[in-house]
Amino acid sequence: MRIWRLAVLVAVLAGLLGLPTPPSAAADPSPAELRRLTKQAAQLEKLYRGQLQSLEDIKLQVKRASATSGTLQAQLKAAQEEVSRIAQTSYMVGPLDGLQLITPSGDPYKVLGQAANMAYMANERARRVESIKKLIEKSKQAKLNANKKVEKMAKEIKRLQAKRTDIEKLLAKYGFQQPGGAEGLTQRMIQVRAEIMANFPMKYGVGCLRPGDPGEHGKGRACDFMMSRGGTMAAGSDAANGDALAAWLIKNGARIGVMYIIWKQRYYDIRSGGGWDPMSNRGGVTANHYDHVHVSVF
């Protein structure tokens, strides 16, 4: 009987305090759909012979949006449980008769303490209810945002699939090269690096092969041309040198076999249509490519 009365009390208190009935919740992104899209993305990257930055970026957006949604749902659950706990405590303490404060039949300090405790719990409950209202809306928006990112990924995969014929022609033009030699780079990457360094000063160095890297660096088909000391944003003439290199690569990319470049939190991928596209924040100067120009070749 007590459990039933408690449930009724929680519901009544929620109504009195304005706790909204949760709206029809937006559905979480379907795990099955995410697995299907991830598999399709992997197949496309294999077909396109390397990472597709548009897909890499959207996958990062989906991951972050899903994580935000999950965190908010956990916070919402915790807040709802806290309101229930406060309501349960109020129920067990029992109502306080106003007459007791005037003519207390027991210990007046105990009565005053009970009154203060009840007032505190009421204020705390009201604060928690307001928090739940906000969390419900934030959680709903986070789920909607996560679903939009998944839809965006599906559209990008469909767009890239439609370009398959053009991409196959492009890949046939450049052929396929395996890494070789002591450096573990493809011959094309070695030639591109040599031509870049013949035209641009590289006072901060160049980094290429990264054994075990899942991307182009691990395949010997990418180099990072440093425009500052690692971790420091390029500025002044260094930044201008990076801009000039990026422009040169776009102009000469078709001739020398450049697949894509990344510079200043943007990427230029000739397989997915060319043109600069913004890249999501990846957490730092180096990760966002503000200290080096990344170059991947076919």
C-alpha atoms as a PDB file:
ATOM      1  CA  MET A   1       0.000   0.000   0.000  1.00  0.00           C
ATOM      2  CA  ARG A   2       2.800   2.409   0.889  1.00  0.00           C
ATOM      3  CA  ILE A   3       4.500   1.970  -2.523  1.00  0.00           C
ATOM      4  CA  TRP A   4       1.203   2.712  -4.290  1.00  0.00           C
ATOM      5  CA  ARG A   5       0.600   5.800  -2.167  1.00  0.00           C
ATOM      6  CA  LEU A   6       4.152   6.955  -2.837  1.00  0.00           C
ATOM      7  CA  ALA A   7       3.660   6.617  -6.596  1.00  0.00           C
ATOM      8  CA  VAL A   8       0.456   8.651  -6.383  1.00  0.00           C
ATOM      9  CA  LEU A   9       2.200  11.267  -4.230  1.00  0.00           C
ATOM     10  CA  VAL A  10       5.073  11.618  -6.708  1.00  0.00           C
ATOM     11  CA  ALA A  11       2.605  12.073  -9.550  1.00  0.00           C
ATOM     12  CA  VAL A  12       0.592  14.657  -7.618  1.00  0.00           C
ATOM     13  CA  LEU A  13       3.695  16.556  -6.555  1.00  0.00           C
ATOM     14  CA  ALA A  14       4.940  16.546 -10.132  1.00  0.00           C
ATOM     15  CA  GLY A  15       1.669  18.060 -11.267  1.00  0.00           C
ATOM     16  CA  LEU A  16       1.585  20.654  -8.514  1.00  0.00           C
ATOM     17  CA  LEU A  17       5.160  21.698  -9.139  1.00  0.00           C
ATOM     18  CA  GLY A  18       4.775  21.908 -12.886  1.00  0.00           C
ATOM     19  CA  LEU A  19       6.862  18.866 -13.818  1.00  0.00           C
ATOM     20  CA  PRO A  20       5.998  18.297 -17.471  1.00  0.00           C
ATOM     21  CA  THR A  21       4.825  14.982 -18.739  1.00  0.00           C
ATOM     22  CA  PRO A  22       7.687  13.842 -20.957  1.00  0.00           C
ATOM     23  CA  PRO A  23       6.770  14.563 -24.578  1.00  0.00           C
ATOM     24  CA  SER A  24       6.930  11.921 -27.222  1.00  0.00           C
ATOM     25  CA  ALA A  25      10.668  11.385 -27.103  1.00  0.00           C
ATOM     26  CA  ALA A  26      12.682  11.626 -30.259  1.00  0.00           C
ATOM     27  CA  ALA A  27      14.023   8.202 -31.112  1.00  0.00           C
ATOM     28  CA  ASP A  28      17.688   7.506 -30.551  1.00  0.00           C
ATOM     29  CA  PRO A  29      19.709   6.894 -33.724  1.00  0.00           C
ATOM     30  CA  SER A  30      19.174   3.286 -34.726  1.00  0.00           C
ATOM     31  CA  PRO A  31      22.270   1.192 -33.891  1.00  0.00           C
ATOM     32  CA  ALA A  32      21.462  -1.065 -36.847  1.00  0.00           C
ATOM     33  CA  GLU A  33      21.296   1.935 -39.175  1.00  0.00           C
ATOM     34  CA  LEU A  34      24.583   3.269 -37.840  1.00  0.00           C
ATOM     35  CA  ARG A  35      26.253  -0.102 -38.393  1.00  0.00           C
ATOM     36  CA  ARG A  36      24.897  -0.243 -41.931  1.00  0.00           C
ATOM     37  CA  LEU A  37      26.113   3.269 -42.760  1.00  0.00           C
ATOM     38  CA  THR A  38      29.506   2.650 -41.153  1.00  0.00           C
ATOM     39  CA  LYS A  39      29.910  -0.474 -43.273  1.00  0.00           C
ATOM     40  CA  GLN A  40      28.958   1.436 -46.414  1.00  0.00           C
ATOM     41  CA  ALA A  41      31.410   4.196 -45.507  1.00  0.00           C
ATOM     42  CA  ALA A  42      34.209   1.636 -45.092  1.00  0.00           C
ATOM     43  CA  GLN A  43      33.360   0.104 -48.472  1.00  0.00           C
ATOM     44  CA  LEU A  44      33.441   3.531 -50.118  1.00  0.00           C
ATOM     45  CA  GLU A  45      36.808   4.396 -48.587  1.00  0.00           C
ATOM     46  CA  LYS A  46      38.167   1.088 -49.859  1.00  0.00           C
ATOM     47  CA  LEU A  47      36.753   1.799 -53.315  1.00  0.00           C
ATOM     48  CA  TYR A  48      38.028   5.390 -53.288  1.00  0.00           C
ATOM     49  CA  ARG A  49      41.421   4.096 -52.165  1.00  0.00           C
ATOM     50  CA  GLY A  50      41.713   6.112 -48.975  1.00  0.00           C
ATOM     51  CA  GLN A  51      39.945   8.097 -46.292  1.00  0.00           C
ATOM     52  CA  LEU A  52      37.115  10.350 -47.440  1.00  0.00           C
ATOM     53  CA  GLN A  53      37.335  13.451 -45.315  1.00  0.00           C
ATOM     54  CA  SER A  54      33.655  14.341 -45.732  1.00  0.00           C
ATOM     55  CA  LEU A  55      32.680  10.959 -44.273  1.00  0.00           C
ATOM     56  CA  GLU A  56      35.349  11.120 -41.567  1.00  0.00           C
ATOM     57  CA  ASP A  57      34.004  14.489 -40.506  1.00  0.00           C
ATOM     58  CA  ILE A  58      30.371  13.383 -40.443  1.00  0.00           C
ATOM     59  CA  LYS A  59      31.267  10.228 -38.489  1.00  0.00           C
ATOM     60  CA  LEU A  60      32.900  12.458 -35.883  1.00  0.00           C
ATOM     61  CA  GLN A  61      29.774  14.647 -35.756  1.00  0.00           C
ATOM     62  CA  VAL A  62      27.554  11.584 -35.287  1.00  0.00           C
ATOM     63  CA  LYS A  63      29.780  10.266 -32.496  1.00  0.00           C
ATOM     64  CA  ARG A  64      29.768  13.575 -30.638  1.00  0.00           C
ATOM     65  CA  ALA A  65      26.013  14.135 -31.076  1.00  0.00           C
ATOM     66  CA  SER A  66      25.246  10.608 -29.851  1.00  0.00           C
ATOM     67  CA  ALA A  67      27.551  11.034 -26.844  1.00  0.00           C
ATOM     68  CA  THR A  68      25.862  14.335 -25.937  1.00  0.00           C
ATOM     69  CA  SER A  69      22.436  12.713 -26.178  1.00  0.00           C
ATOM     70  CA  GLY A  70      23.521   9.809 -23.973  1.00  0.00           C
ATOM     71  CA  THR A  71      25.016  12.121 -21.346  1.00  0.00           C
ATOM     72  CA  LEU A  72      21.863  14.244 -21.172  1.00  0.00           C
ATOM     73  CA  GLN A  73      19.640  11.181 -20.835  1.00  0.00           C
ATOM     74  CA  ALA A  74      21.774   9.948 -17.931  1.00  0.00           C
ATOM     75  CA  GLN A  75      21.525  13.361 -16.259  1.00  0.00           C
ATOM     76  CA  LEU A  76      17.757  13.390 -16.785  1.00  0.00           C
ATOM     77  CA  LYS A  77      17.355   9.962 -15.205  1.00  0.00           C
ATOM     78  CA  ALA A  78      19.468  10.982 -12.194  1.00  0.00           C
ATOM     79  CA  ALA A  79      17.456  14.189 -11.697  1.00  0.00           C
ATOM     80  CA  GLN A  80      14.147  12.340 -11.913  1.00  0.00           C
ATOM     81  CA  GLU A  81      15.334   9.802  -9.342  1.00  0.00           C
ATOM     82  CA  GLU A  82      16.370  12.653  -7.040  1.00  0.00           C
ATOM     83  CA  VAL A  83      12.916  14.236  -7.228  1.00  0.00           C
ATOM     84  CA  SER A  84      11.365  10.867  -6.382  1.00  0.00           C
ATOM     85  CA  ARG A  85      13.742  10.507  -3.426  1.00  0.00           C
ATOM     86  CA  ILE A  86      12.844  13.964  -2.120  1.00  0.00           C
ATOM     87  CA  ALA A  87       9.143  13.214  -2.512  1.00  0.00           C
ATOM     88  CA  GLN A  88       9.611   9.937  -0.649  1.00  0.00           C
ATOM     89  CA  THR A  89      11.434  11.704   2.185  1.00  0.00           C
ATOM     90  CA  SER A  90       8.649  14.278   2.413  1.00  0.00           C
ATOM     91  CA  TYR A  91       6.095  11.479   2.580  1.00  0.00           C
ATOM     92  CA  MET A  92       7.921   9.654   5.357  1.00  0.00           C
ATOM     93  CA  VAL A  93       8.423  12.834   7.441  1.00  0.00           C
ATOM     94  CA  GLY A  94       4.735  13.526   7.042  1.00  0.00           C
ATOM     95  CA  PRO A  95       2.817  16.794   6.757  1.00  0.00           C
ATOM     96  CA  LEU A  96       3.450  19.587   9.219  1.00  0.00           C
ATOM     97  CA  ASP A  97       0.337  21.052  10.831  1.00  0.00           C
ATOM     98  CA  GLY A  98       0.586  24.840  11.040  1.00  0.00           C
ATOM     99  CA  LEU A  99      -1.061  24.706  14.470  1.00  0.00           C
ATOM    100  CA  GLN A 100       1.973  22.793  15.784  1.00  0.00           C
ATOM    101  CA  LEU A 101       4.108  25.879  15.270  1.00  0.00           C
ATOM    102  CA  ILE A 102       1.786  27.920  17.498  1.00  0.00           C
ATOM    103  CA  THR A 103       0.994  25.397  20.187  1.00  0.00           C
ATOM    104  CA  PRO A 104       3.550  22.644  19.841  1.00  0.00           C
ATOM    105  CA  SER A 105       2.632  19.582  21.797  1.00  0.00           C
ATOM    106  CA  GLY A 106       6.173  18.262  21.627  1.00  0.00           C
ATOM    107  CA  ASP A 107       9.699  19.616  21.627  1.00  0.00           C
ATOM    108  CA  PRO A 108       9.503  23.094  19.965  1.00  0.00           C
ATOM    109  CA  TYR A 109      13.042  22.770  18.618  1.00  0.00           C
ATOM    110  CA  LYS A 110      12.128  19.478  16.981  1.00  0.00           C
ATOM    111  CA  VAL A 111       9.040  21.050  15.393  1.00  0.00           C
ATOM    112  CA  LEU A 112      11.050  24.005  14.113  1.00  0.00           C
ATOM    113  CA  GLY A 113      13.693  21.649  12.770  1.00  0.00           C
ATOM    114  CA  GLN A 114      11.022  19.661  10.964  1.00  0.00           C
ATOM    115  CA  ALA A 115       9.606  22.857   9.477  1.00  0.00           C
ATOM    116  CA  ALA A 116      13.033  23.952   8.258  1.00  0.00           C
ATOM    117  CA  ASN A 117      13.660  20.520   6.800  1.00  0.00           C
ATOM    118  CA  MET A 118      10.324  20.536   4.967  1.00  0.00           C
ATOM    119  CA  ALA A 119      11.009  24.021   3.587  1.00  0.00           C
ATOM    120  CA  TYR A 120      14.435  22.942   2.391  1.00  0.00           C
ATOM    121  CA  MET A 121      13.052  19.841   0.700  1.00  0.00           C
ATOM    122  CA  ALA A 122      10.316  21.857  -1.001  1.00  0.00           C
ATOM    123  CA  ASN A 123      12.837  24.357  -2.358  1.00  0.00           C
ATOM    124  CA  GLU A 124      15.215  21.600  -3.424  1.00  0.00           C
ATOM    125  CA  ARG A 125      12.398  19.723  -5.124  1.00  0.00           C
ATOM    126  CA  ALA A 126      11.304  22.824  -7.012  1.00  0.00           C
ATOM    127  CA  ARG A 127      14.884  23.436  -8.151  1.00  0.00           C
ATOM    128  CA  ARG A 128      15.224  19.855  -9.349  1.00  0.00           C
ATOM    129  CA  VAL A 129      11.925  20.049 -11.224  1.00  0.00           C
ATOM    130  CA  GLU A 130      13.141  23.124 -13.105  1.00  0.00           C
ATOM    131  CA  SER A 131      16.318  21.238 -13.930  1.00  0.00           C
ATOM    132  CA  ILE A 132      14.281  18.329 -15.289  1.00  0.00           C
ATOM    133  CA  LYS A 133      12.248  20.660 -17.491  1.00  0.00           C
ATOM    134  CA  LYS A 134      15.438  21.966 -19.068  1.00  0.00           C
ATOM    135  CA  LEU A 135      16.999  18.519 -19.378  1.00  0.00           C
ATOM    136  CA  ILE A 136      13.923  17.112 -21.123  1.00  0.00           C
ATOM    137  CA  GLU A 137      14.155  19.810 -23.782  1.00  0.00           C
ATOM    138  CA  LYS A 138      17.915  19.491 -24.133  1.00  0.00           C
ATOM    139  CA  SER A 139      17.670  15.708 -24.387  1.00  0.00           C
ATOM    140  CA  LYS A 140      14.988  15.982 -27.048  1.00  0.00           C
ATOM    141  CA  GLN A 141      17.061  18.446 -29.078  1.00  0.00           C
ATOM    142  CA  ALA A 142      20.193  16.299 -28.699  1.00  0.00           C
ATOM    143  CA  LYS A 143      18.395  13.242 -30.065  1.00  0.00           C
ATOM    144  CA  LEU A 144      17.042  15.261 -32.981  1.00  0.00           C
ATOM    145  CA  ASN A 145      20.540  16.596 -33.664  1.00  0.00           C
ATOM    146  CA  ALA A 146      22.049  13.099 -33.573  1.00  0.00           C
ATOM    147  CA  ASN A 147      19.432  11.849 -36.018  1.00  0.00           C
ATOM    148  CA  LYS A 148      20.121  14.790 -38.343  1.00  0.00           C
ATOM    149  CA  LYS A 149      23.815  13.869 -38.371  1.00  0.00           C
ATOM    150  CA  VAL A 150      22.939  10.272 -39.255  1.00  0.00           C
ATOM    151  CA  GLU A 151      20.702  11.510 -42.080  1.00  0.00           C
ATOM    152  CA  LYS A 152      23.544  13.736 -43.259  1.00  0.00           C
ATOM    153  CA  MET A 153      25.864  10.737 -43.335  1.00  0.00           C
ATOM    154  CA  ALA A 154      23.344   8.716 -45.361  1.00  0.00           C
ATOM    155  CA  LYS A 155      23.003  11.543 -47.901  1.00  0.00           C
ATOM    156  CA  GLU A 156      26.773  11.929 -48.254  1.00  0.00           C
ATOM    157  CA  ILE A 157      27.200   8.183 -48.796  1.00  0.00           C
ATOM    158  CA  LYS A 158      24.499   8.259 -51.464  1.00  0.00           C
ATOM    159  CA  ARG A 159      26.175  11.247 -53.167  1.00  0.00           C
ATOM    160  CA  LEU A 160      29.575   9.556 -53.188  1.00  0.00           C
ATOM    161  CA  GLN A 161      28.102   6.284 -54.452  1.00  0.00           C
ATOM    162  CA  ALA A 162      26.616   8.177 -57.390  1.00  0.00           C
ATOM    163  CA  LYS A 163      30.114   9.386 -58.345  1.00  0.00           C
ATOM    164  CA  ARG A 164      31.515   5.863 -58.560  1.00  0.00           C
ATOM    165  CA  THR A 165      32.035   5.876 -62.352  1.00  0.00           C
ATOM    166  CA  ASP A 166      33.903   9.180 -62.270  1.00  0.00           C
ATOM    167  CA  ILE A 167      36.035   8.046 -59.346  1.00  0.00           C
ATOM    168  CA  GLU A 168      36.961   4.779 -61.046  1.00  0.00           C
ATOM    169  CA  LYS A 169      38.172   6.740 -64.071  1.00  0.00           C
ATOM    170  CA  LEU A 170      40.168   9.036 -61.814  1.00  0.00           C
ATOM    171  CA  LEU A 171      41.775   6.127 -59.972  1.00  0.00           C
ATOM    172  CA  ALA A 172      42.558   4.373 -63.266  1.00  0.00           C
ATOM    173  CA  LYS A 173      44.363   7.513 -64.415  1.00  0.00           C
ATOM    174  CA  TYR A 174      46.797   7.363 -61.507  1.00  0.00           C
ATOM    175  CA  GLY A 175      47.028   3.598 -61.090  1.00  0.00           C
ATOM    176  CA  PHE A 176      47.883   2.010 -57.774  1.00  0.00           C
ATOM    177  CA  GLN A 177      51.217   2.162 -55.997  1.00  0.00           C
ATOM    178  CA  GLN A 178      52.512   0.190 -53.044  1.00  0.00           C
ATOM    179  CA  PRO A 179      55.022   1.598 -50.554  1.00  0.00           C
ATOM    180  CA  GLY A 180      58.609   0.663 -51.228  1.00  0.00           C
ATOM    181  CA  GLY A 181      62.168   1.495 -50.261  1.00  0.00           C
ATOM    182  CA  ALA A 182      63.653   2.293 -46.895  1.00  0.00           C
ATOM    183  CA  GLU A 183      61.234   5.170 -46.205  1.00  0.00           C
ATOM    184  CA  GLY A 184      58.091   3.079 -46.684  1.00  0.00           C
ATOM    185  CA  LEU A 185      56.525   5.683 -48.990  1.00  0.00           C
ATOM    186  CA  THR A 186      55.008   5.202 -52.429  1.00  0.00           C
ATOM    187  CA  GLN A 187      57.017   6.510 -55.347  1.00  0.00           C
ATOM    188  CA  ARG A 188      54.340   9.105 -56.044  1.00  0.00           C
ATOM    189  CA  MET A 189      54.531  10.462 -52.497  1.00  0.00           C
ATOM    190  CA  ILE A 190      58.321  10.680 -52.751  1.00  0.00           C
ATOM    191  CA  GLN A 191      58.043  12.595 -56.030  1.00  0.00           C
ATOM    192  CA  VAL A 192      55.332  14.946 -54.702  1.00  0.00           C
ATOM    193  CA  ARG A 193      57.362  15.645 -51.567  1.00  0.00           C
ATOM    194  CA  ALA A 194      60.468  16.396 -53.664  1.00  0.00           C
ATOM    195  CA  GLU A 195      58.577  18.800 -55.935  1.00  0.00           C
ATOM    196  CA  ILE A 196      56.982  20.602 -52.983  1.00  0.00           C
ATOM    197  CA  MET A 197      60.322  21.028 -51.227  1.00  0.00           C
ATOM    198  CA  ALA A 198      61.883  22.311 -54.440  1.00  0.00           C
ATOM    199  CA  ASN A 199      59.286  25.083 -54.539  1.00  0.00           C
ATOM    200  CA  PHE A 200      58.635  25.871 -50.870  1.00  0.00           C
ATOM    201  CA  PRO A 201      60.962  26.342 -47.899  1.00  0.00           C
ATOM    202  CA  MET A 202      60.335  23.792 -45.162  1.00  0.00           C
ATOM    203  CA  LYS A 203      62.253  25.162 -42.206  1.00  0.00           C
ATOM    204  CA  TYR A 204      60.106  23.210 -39.706  1.00  0.00           C
ATOM    205  CA  GLY A 205      60.447  19.849 -41.425  1.00  0.00           C
ATOM    206  CA  VAL A 206      58.219  17.216 -43.006  1.00  0.00           C
ATOM    207  CA  GLY A 207      56.648  14.130 -41.399  1.00  0.00           C
ATOM    208  CA  CYS A 208      55.448  11.219 -43.521  1.00  0.00           C
ATOM    209  CA  LEU A 209      55.296   7.546 -42.581  1.00  0.00           C
ATOM    210  CA  ARG A 210      53.547   6.550 -39.339  1.00  0.00           C
ATOM    211  CA  PRO A 211      53.607   2.767 -38.922  1.00  0.00           C
ATOM    212  CA  GLY A 212      50.273   1.491 -37.636  1.00  0.00           C
ATOM    213  CA  ASP A 213      48.341   4.621 -38.588  1.00  0.00           C
ATOM    214  CA  PRO A 214      44.964   3.557 -40.098  1.00  0.00           C
ATOM    215  CA  GLY A 215      44.959   6.487 -42.526  1.00  0.00           C
ATOM    216  CA  GLU A 216      47.181   7.535 -45.414  1.00  0.00           C
ATOM    217  CA  HIS A 217      50.245   8.051 -43.202  1.00  0.00           C
ATOM    218  CA  GLY A 218      50.279   4.346 -42.415  1.00  0.00           C
ATOM    219  CA  LYS A 219      50.048   3.459 -46.109  1.00  0.00           C
ATOM    220  CA  GLY A 220      52.980   5.634 -47.137  1.00  0.00           C
ATOM    221  CA  ARG A 221      50.743   7.967 -49.118  1.00  0.00           C
ATOM    222  CA  ALA A 222      50.725  11.094 -46.948  1.00  0.00           C
ATOM    223  CA  CYS A 223      53.089  13.752 -45.599  1.00  0.00           C
ATOM    224  CA  ASP A 224      52.656  16.656 -43.189  1.00  0.00           C
ATOM    225  CA  PHE A 225      54.504  19.816 -44.251  1.00  0.00           C
ATOM    226  CA  MET A 226      55.081  21.772 -41.058  1.00  0.00           C
ATOM    227  CA  MET A 227      54.399  25.502 -41.082  1.00  0.00           C
ATOM    228  CA  SER A 228      55.394  26.069 -37.457  1.00  0.00           C
ATOM    229  CA  ARG A 229      56.845  24.173 -34.530  1.00  0.00           C
ATOM    230  CA  GLY A 230      54.461  21.364 -33.661  1.00  0.00           C
ATOM    231  CA  GLY A 231      51.459  22.476 -31.637  1.00  0.00           C
ATOM    232  CA  THR A 232      51.965  26.175 -32.413  1.00  0.00           C
ATOM    233  CA  MET A 233      49.568  27.886 -34.778  1.00  0.00           C
ATOM    234  CA  ALA A 234      51.279  29.141 -37.926  1.00  0.00           C
ATOM    235  CA  ALA A 235      51.299  32.932 -38.200  1.00  0.00           C
ATOM    236  CA  GLY A 236      52.695  35.693 -40.381  1.00  0.00           C
ATOM    237  CA  SER A 237      54.994  34.507 -43.161  1.00  0.00           C
ATOM    238  CA  ASP A 238      54.651  30.885 -41.994  1.00  0.00           C
ATOM    239  CA  ALA A 239      50.880  30.964 -42.415  1.00  0.00           C
ATOM    240  CA  ALA A 240      51.307  32.690 -45.774  1.00  0.00           C
ATOM    241  CA  ASN A 241      53.699  29.914 -46.812  1.00  0.00           C
ATOM    242  CA  GLY A 242      51.026  27.341 -45.912  1.00  0.00           C
ATOM    243  CA  ASP A 243      48.395  29.247 -47.885  1.00  0.00           C
ATOM    244  CA  ALA A 244      50.699  29.410 -50.890  1.00  0.00           C
ATOM    245  CA  LEU A 245      51.467  25.688 -50.674  1.00  0.00           C
ATOM    246  CA  ALA A 246      47.758  24.815 -50.448  1.00  0.00           C
ATOM    247  CA  ALA A 247      46.985  26.969 -53.495  1.00  0.00           C
ATOM    248  CA  TRP A 248      49.876  25.395 -55.416  1.00  0.00           C
ATOM    249  CA  LEU A 249      48.666  21.888 -54.560  1.00  0.00           C
ATOM    250  CA  ILE A 250      45.155  22.675 -55.788  1.00  0.00           C
ATOM    251  CA  LYS A 251      46.536  24.075 -59.027  1.00  0.00           C
ATOM    252  CA  ASN A 252      48.998  21.248 -59.648  1.00  0.00           C
ATOM    253  CA  GLY A 253      47.200  18.392 -57.895  1.00  0.00           C
ATOM    254  CA  ALA A 254      45.789  16.814 -61.060  1.00  0.00           C
ATOM    255  CA  ARG A 255      49.264  16.747 -62.593  1.00  0.00           C
ATOM    256  CA  ILE A 256      51.152  15.257 -59.655  1.00  0.00           C
ATOM    257  CA  GLY A 257      48.419  12.974 -58.235  1.00  0.00           C
ATOM    258  CA  VAL A 258      47.247  14.737 -55.079  1.00  0.00           C
ATOM    259  CA  MET A 259      44.162  13.066 -53.602  1.00  0.00           C
ATOM    260  CA  TYR A 260      43.304  15.548 -50.842  1.00  0.00           C
ATOM    261  CA  ILE A 261      44.847  18.215 -48.648  1.00  0.00           C
ATOM    262  CA  ILE A 262      43.965  19.521 -45.173  1.00  0.00           C
ATOM    263  CA  TRP A 263      44.918  22.970 -43.911  1.00  0.00           C
ATOM    264  CA  LYS A 264      43.449  25.341 -41.328  1.00  0.00           C
ATOM    265  CA  GLN A 265      40.542  23.092 -40.297  1.00  0.00           C
ATOM    266  CA  ARG A 266      39.430  22.668 -43.924  1.00  0.00           C
ATOM    267  CA  TYR A 267      39.871  19.880 -46.434  1.00  0.00           C
ATOM    268  CA  TYR A 268      40.041  19.841 -50.219  1.00  0.00           C
ATOM    269  CA  ASP A 269      39.248  16.388 -51.652  1.00  0.00           C
ATOM    270  CA  ILE A 270      39.217  16.110 -55.446  1.00  0.00           C
ATOM    271  CA  ARG A 271      37.379  12.751 -55.307  1.00  0.00           C
ATOM    272  CA  SER A 272      34.330  14.188 -53.542  1.00  0.00           C
ATOM    273  CA  GLY A 273      33.994  17.195 -55.796  1.00  0.00           C
ATOM    274  CA  GLY A 274      36.811  19.559 -54.960  1.00  0.00           C
ATOM    275  CA  GLY A 275      36.507  22.903 -53.219  1.00  0.00           C
ATOM    276  CA  TRP A 276      37.280  23.713 -49.599  1.00  0.00           C
ATOM    277  CA  ASP A 277      34.968  22.219 -46.979  1.00  0.00           C
ATOM    278  CA  PRO A 278      35.021  23.048 -43.256  1.00  0.00           C
ATOM    279  CA  MET A 279      36.192  20.385 -40.834  1.00  0.00           C
ATOM    280  CA  SER A 280      34.765  19.864 -37.351  1.00  0.00           C
ATOM    281  CA  ASN A 281      36.874  20.911 -34.389  1.00  0.00           C
ATOM    282  CA  ARG A 282      39.109  17.972 -33.536  1.00  0.00           C
ATOM    283  CA  GLY A 283      40.485  19.407 -30.340  1.00  0.00           C
ATOM    284  CA  GLY A 284      43.748  21.248 -30.954  1.00  0.00           C
ATOM    285  CA  VAL A 285      46.117  23.158 -33.227  1.00  0.00           C
ATOM    286  CA  THR A 286      47.730  20.051 -34.718  1.00  0.00           C
ATOM    287  CA  ALA A 287      44.526  18.003 -34.964  1.00  0.00           C
ATOM    288  CA  ASN A 288      42.855  20.927 -36.723  1.00  0.00           C
ATOM    289  CA  HIS A 289      45.847  21.318 -39.068  1.00  0.00           C
ATOM    290  CA  TYR A 290      46.784  24.874 -38.154  1.00  0.00           C
ATOM    291  CA  ASP A 291      50.479  24.026 -37.884  1.00  0.00           C
ATOM    292  CA  HIS A 292      50.907  21.864 -40.999  1.00  0.00           C
ATOM    293  CA  VAL A 293      49.544  21.172 -44.464  1.00  0.00           C
ATOM    294  CA  HIS A 294      48.529  17.525 -44.846  1.00  0.00           C
ATOM    295  CA  VAL A 295      48.921  16.059 -48.329  1.00  0.00           C
ATOM    296  CA  SER A 296      47.628  12.633 -49.409  1.00  0.00           C
ATOM    297  CA  VAL A 297      48.269  11.209 -52.874  1.00  0.00           C
ATOM    298  CA  PHE A 298      46.637   8.533 -54.995  1.00  0.00           C
END
